[in-house]
Protein backbone atom coordinates (compact mmCIF):
# COMPACT_ATOMS: atom_id res chain seq x y z
CA MET A 1 -94.97 -88.85 5.27
CA PRO A 2 -97.40 -92.03 5.31
CA ASN A 3 -100.96 -90.69 5.25
CA ARG A 4 -102.96 -94.05 5.34
CA GLU A 5 -105.94 -92.77 6.76
CA GLY A 6 -106.32 -89.80 4.55
CA LYS A 7 -106.20 -87.59 7.58
CA LEU A 8 -103.87 -85.01 5.79
CA ARG A 9 -105.22 -83.05 2.52
CA PRO A 10 -103.02 -80.87 0.26
CA GLY A 11 -103.02 -77.52 2.01
CA MET A 12 -103.30 -78.42 5.05
CA TYR A 13 -100.55 -76.67 8.06
CA VAL A 14 -98.93 -79.52 10.11
CA TYR A 15 -96.69 -77.84 13.33
CA ALA A 16 -93.67 -80.45 14.71
CA LYS A 17 -91.47 -80.06 16.86
CA LEU A 18 -88.02 -81.89 15.81
CA THR A 19 -85.16 -82.67 18.41
CA ALA A 20 -81.73 -83.17 17.88
CA ALA A 21 -78.61 -83.55 19.56
CA LEU A 22 -76.05 -81.35 18.52
CA PRO A 23 -72.19 -82.15 19.14
CA GLU A 24 -70.37 -80.17 21.95
CA SER A 25 -68.92 -77.26 20.85
CA TRP A 26 -68.40 -73.70 21.31
CA ILE A 27 -70.41 -71.46 21.97
CA VAL A 28 -70.83 -67.37 22.77
CA PRO A 29 -73.97 -64.44 23.56
CA THR A 30 -75.73 -63.58 19.91
CA PRO A 31 -74.94 -60.39 20.81
CA ALA A 32 -70.96 -61.37 20.74
CA VAL A 33 -70.88 -61.78 17.08
CA ALA A 34 -71.50 -59.63 13.77
CA ARG A 35 -71.99 -59.80 10.20
CA GLN A 36 -70.58 -57.53 7.72
CA GLY A 37 -71.41 -58.32 4.11
CA ASP A 38 -70.29 -62.17 4.03
CA VAL A 39 -68.24 -61.93 7.22
CA THR A 40 -69.21 -62.71 10.47
CA TYR A 41 -66.78 -61.29 13.41
CA CYS A 42 -66.09 -60.91 16.90
CA PHE A 43 -63.60 -59.42 18.76
CA LEU A 44 -61.01 -61.00 21.00
CA GLU A 45 -58.58 -59.71 23.49
CA ASP A 46 -55.33 -59.34 22.18
CA ASN A 47 -52.61 -57.55 24.58
CA GLY A 48 -55.26 -55.16 26.29
CA LYS A 49 -56.98 -54.02 22.70
CA TRP A 50 -59.63 -55.71 21.19
CA ALA A 51 -58.99 -57.57 18.07
CA ARG A 52 -61.89 -58.18 15.60
CA THR A 53 -61.80 -61.84 14.72
CA VAL A 54 -63.19 -63.04 11.65
CA VAL A 55 -64.83 -66.61 13.05
CA GLN A 56 -66.78 -69.26 10.83
CA THR A 57 -70.70 -70.14 12.67
CA GLY A 58 -72.80 -72.72 13.19
CA HIS A 59 -76.09 -73.39 14.94
CA ASN A 60 -77.57 -69.94 16.20
CA ASP A 61 -80.33 -70.45 18.54
CA GLY A 62 -81.53 -66.93 18.66
CA ASN A 63 -79.34 -66.34 22.58
CA ARG A 64 -76.16 -68.41 21.66
CA VAL A 65 -74.14 -68.84 18.75
CA GLU A 66 -71.80 -71.97 18.01
CA VAL A 67 -68.40 -70.90 16.78
CA LEU A 68 -66.26 -73.16 14.94
CA LYS A 69 -63.09 -71.87 13.44
CA ARG A 70 -61.41 -68.44 13.79
CA HIS A 71 -58.87 -66.62 11.63
CA ALA A 72 -54.81 -67.14 13.40
CA PRO A 73 -53.99 -63.54 14.36
CA GLY A 74 -52.49 -62.10 11.68
CA SER A 75 -53.87 -64.04 9.23
CA THR A 76 -56.74 -63.36 6.18
CA ILE A 77 -56.95 -67.12 5.29
CA GLN A 78 -55.63 -69.38 7.87
CA TRP A 79 -58.22 -71.23 10.22
CA GLN A 80 -57.60 -72.16 13.70
CA ASP A 81 -59.05 -74.50 16.22
CA TRP A 82 -60.76 -72.65 19.25
CA SER A 83 -58.62 -73.47 23.12
CA GLY A 84 -61.67 -71.85 25.31
CA ASN A 85 -59.08 -69.48 26.77
CA GLU A 86 -59.90 -66.54 24.69
CA LYS A 87 -61.51 -63.53 26.09
CA ILE A 88 -64.49 -62.19 24.16
CA ALA A 89 -66.12 -58.90 24.03
CA ALA A 90 -69.58 -59.79 25.18
CA LYS A 91 -71.58 -57.45 22.56
CA VAL A 92 -69.93 -56.12 19.20
CA ALA A 93 -71.79 -52.94 19.22
CA GLY A 94 -69.88 -49.93 19.99
CA LEU A 95 -66.08 -52.05 19.50
CA THR A 96 -63.44 -51.00 16.77
CA ASP A 97 -60.40 -52.96 15.93
CA GLY A 98 -57.60 -51.90 18.01
CA GLN A 99 -59.61 -50.38 20.67
CA MET A 100 -58.39 -50.14 24.15
CA ILE A 101 -60.20 -52.87 26.39
CA SER A 102 -62.44 -50.48 28.83
CA PRO A 103 -64.68 -51.66 32.09
CA SER A 104 -67.82 -50.70 30.10
CA PHE A 105 -67.25 -52.91 27.38
CA THR A 106 -68.11 -56.86 29.74
CA GLU A 107 -65.50 -59.71 28.72
CA SER A 108 -67.14 -63.15 28.30
CA ALA A 109 -65.55 -66.63 27.89
CA ILE A 110 -66.09 -69.00 25.43
CA SER A 111 -68.61 -71.70 27.10
CA LYS A 112 -68.87 -74.96 25.80
């Protein structure tokens, strides 16, 4: 950073605000994703049950998480794009793979 006037000195602190335009992407509420080791996942509706689904995530602002790709159903290696029609559990806490969907867990549509 140019310092022609010598106002910045070693050891000084600077506060800055950076603004960036991010490309349009699919997002979910932060509680809708969880991390276990190196794996990030959410729960998708599958025939009336919750299916634990591995996802790739991007930007996280603390309230929303960008979801980039997800594993294809039944695959542990094939990545798939989001269609936007998926039903995602609004929070992963307390859910298990194959659990029947009940009214106590709110569904949230994935959004842009």
